[in-house]
């Protein structure tokens, strides 16, 4: 994984966990590596890299894998504004403490 060392450690861990989770989901569905790679239009080597959390695998390959595994709804909500706790907290801090009526 050539780019893994340039990633922040928490991001690298998250990618590795995502890869393991994708591999487990594939196996639970009874899909072989050869069949999954064919469905993704990639080589088995690329699939193995995806399942190891290699950050150089194309985002499109990840998106297609989530579609094949019927997990694409989760991908769509990954950065949803409604569930972004930090952004919601920042929005709340920016609210004015008082609202004054405009004078006529």
Protein backbone atom coordinates (compact mmCIF):
# COMPACT_ATOMS: atom_id res chain seq x y z
CA UNK A 1 0.00 0.00 0.00
CA UNK A 2 2.16 2.82 -1.24
CA UNK A 3 0.03 5.79 -0.16
CA UNK A 4 -0.97 4.41 3.22
CA UNK A 5 2.02 5.97 4.97
CA UNK A 6 1.01 9.46 3.77
CA UNK A 7 -2.48 9.18 5.27
CA UNK A 8 -3.32 10.29 8.80
CA UNK A 9 -3.29 7.20 11.02
CA UNK A 10 -7.03 7.32 11.85
CA UNK A 11 -7.85 7.54 8.12
CA UNK A 12 -5.58 4.56 7.36
CA UNK A 13 -7.26 2.53 10.11
CA UNK A 14 -10.70 3.48 8.78
CA UNK A 15 -9.75 2.35 5.26
CA UNK A 16 -8.42 -0.96 6.54
CA UNK A 17 -11.62 -1.52 8.51
CA UNK A 18 -13.73 -0.59 5.50
CA UNK A 19 -11.79 -3.10 3.38
CA UNK A 20 -12.27 -5.85 5.97
CA UNK A 21 -15.98 -5.04 6.18
CA UNK A 22 -16.36 -5.19 2.40
CA UNK A 23 -14.56 -8.54 2.29
CA UNK A 24 -16.79 -9.91 5.04
CA UNK A 25 -19.94 -8.66 3.29
CA UNK A 26 -18.79 -10.29 0.05
CA UNK A 27 -18.10 -13.61 1.77
CA UNK A 28 -21.43 -13.54 3.65
CA UNK A 29 -23.17 -13.14 0.30
CA UNK A 30 -21.27 -16.12 -1.09
CA UNK A 31 -19.54 -14.13 -3.83
CA UNK A 32 -16.11 -15.41 -4.86
CA UNK A 33 -13.23 -13.02 -5.48
CA UNK A 34 -13.30 -13.91 -9.18
CA UNK A 35 -17.04 -13.15 -9.46
CA UNK A 36 -16.76 -9.93 -7.46
CA UNK A 37 -13.82 -8.70 -9.51
CA UNK A 38 -15.78 -9.44 -12.70
CA UNK A 39 -18.78 -7.49 -11.40
CA UNK A 40 -16.50 -4.56 -10.58
CA UNK A 41 -14.71 -4.77 -13.96
CA UNK A 42 -11.35 -4.94 -12.16
CA UNK A 43 -8.68 -7.56 -11.63
CA UNK A 44 -8.66 -9.81 -8.57
CA UNK A 45 -5.52 -7.99 -7.49
CA UNK A 46 -7.44 -4.70 -7.43
CA UNK A 47 -10.24 -6.34 -5.45
CA UNK A 48 -7.71 -7.68 -2.94
CA UNK A 49 -6.21 -4.18 -2.64
CA UNK A 50 -9.69 -2.74 -2.03
CA UNK A 51 -10.33 -5.36 0.65
CA UNK A 52 -6.99 -4.51 2.32
CA UNK A 53 -7.90 -0.82 2.42
CA UNK A 54 -5.40 0.37 -0.17
CA UNK A 55 -6.09 4.10 -0.68
CA UNK A 56 -4.92 4.01 -4.30
CA UNK A 57 -7.98 1.99 -5.39
CA UNK A 58 -10.35 4.22 -7.37
CA UNK A 59 -13.34 5.68 -5.59
CA UNK A 60 -15.50 4.41 -8.45
CA UNK A 61 -14.41 0.86 -7.64
CA UNK A 62 -15.45 1.36 -4.02
CA UNK A 63 -18.79 2.82 -5.10
CA UNK A 64 -19.44 -0.10 -7.45
CA UNK A 65 -18.51 -2.59 -4.72
CA UNK A 66 -21.04 -1.02 -2.36
CA UNK A 67 -23.66 -1.23 -5.12
CA UNK A 68 -22.93 -4.91 -5.81
CA UNK A 69 -23.16 -5.63 -2.08
CA UNK A 70 -26.32 -3.50 -1.77
CA UNK A 71 -24.62 -1.11 0.66
CA UNK A 72 -24.70 1.96 -1.61
CA UNK A 73 -27.32 3.71 0.52
CA UNK A 74 -24.77 3.93 3.32
CA UNK A 75 -22.20 5.40 0.95
CA UNK A 76 -24.67 8.07 -0.16
CA UNK A 77 -25.19 9.17 3.45
CA UNK A 78 -21.53 9.11 4.43
CA UNK A 79 -21.14 12.90 4.69
CA UNK A 80 -24.81 13.83 4.96
CA UNK A 81 -25.28 17.25 6.52
CA UNK A 82 -28.06 16.01 8.79
CA UNK A 83 -25.71 13.58 10.54
CA UNK A 84 -22.56 15.73 10.58
CA UNK A 85 -22.25 16.28 14.34
CA UNK A 86 -19.33 18.71 14.09
CA UNK A 87 -21.04 20.92 11.50
CA UNK A 88 -24.29 20.90 13.48
CA UNK A 89 -22.38 21.93 16.61
CA UNK A 90 -20.62 24.73 14.75
CA UNK A 91 -23.93 25.95 13.33
CA UNK A 92 -25.38 26.05 16.83
CA UNK A 93 -22.43 28.09 18.13
CA UNK A 94 -22.89 30.64 15.34
CA UNK A 95 -26.50 31.33 16.25
CA UNK A 96 -27.02 34.73 17.82
CA UNK A 97 -27.78 34.71 21.52
CA UNK A 98 -30.44 37.36 21.10
CA UNK A 99 -32.54 38.51 18.22
CA UNK A 100 -33.63 42.11 18.34
CA UNK A 101 -36.57 43.51 16.49
CA UNK A 102 -35.74 46.10 13.89
CA UNK A 103 -36.83 49.59 14.89
CA UNK A 104 -39.39 51.20 12.62
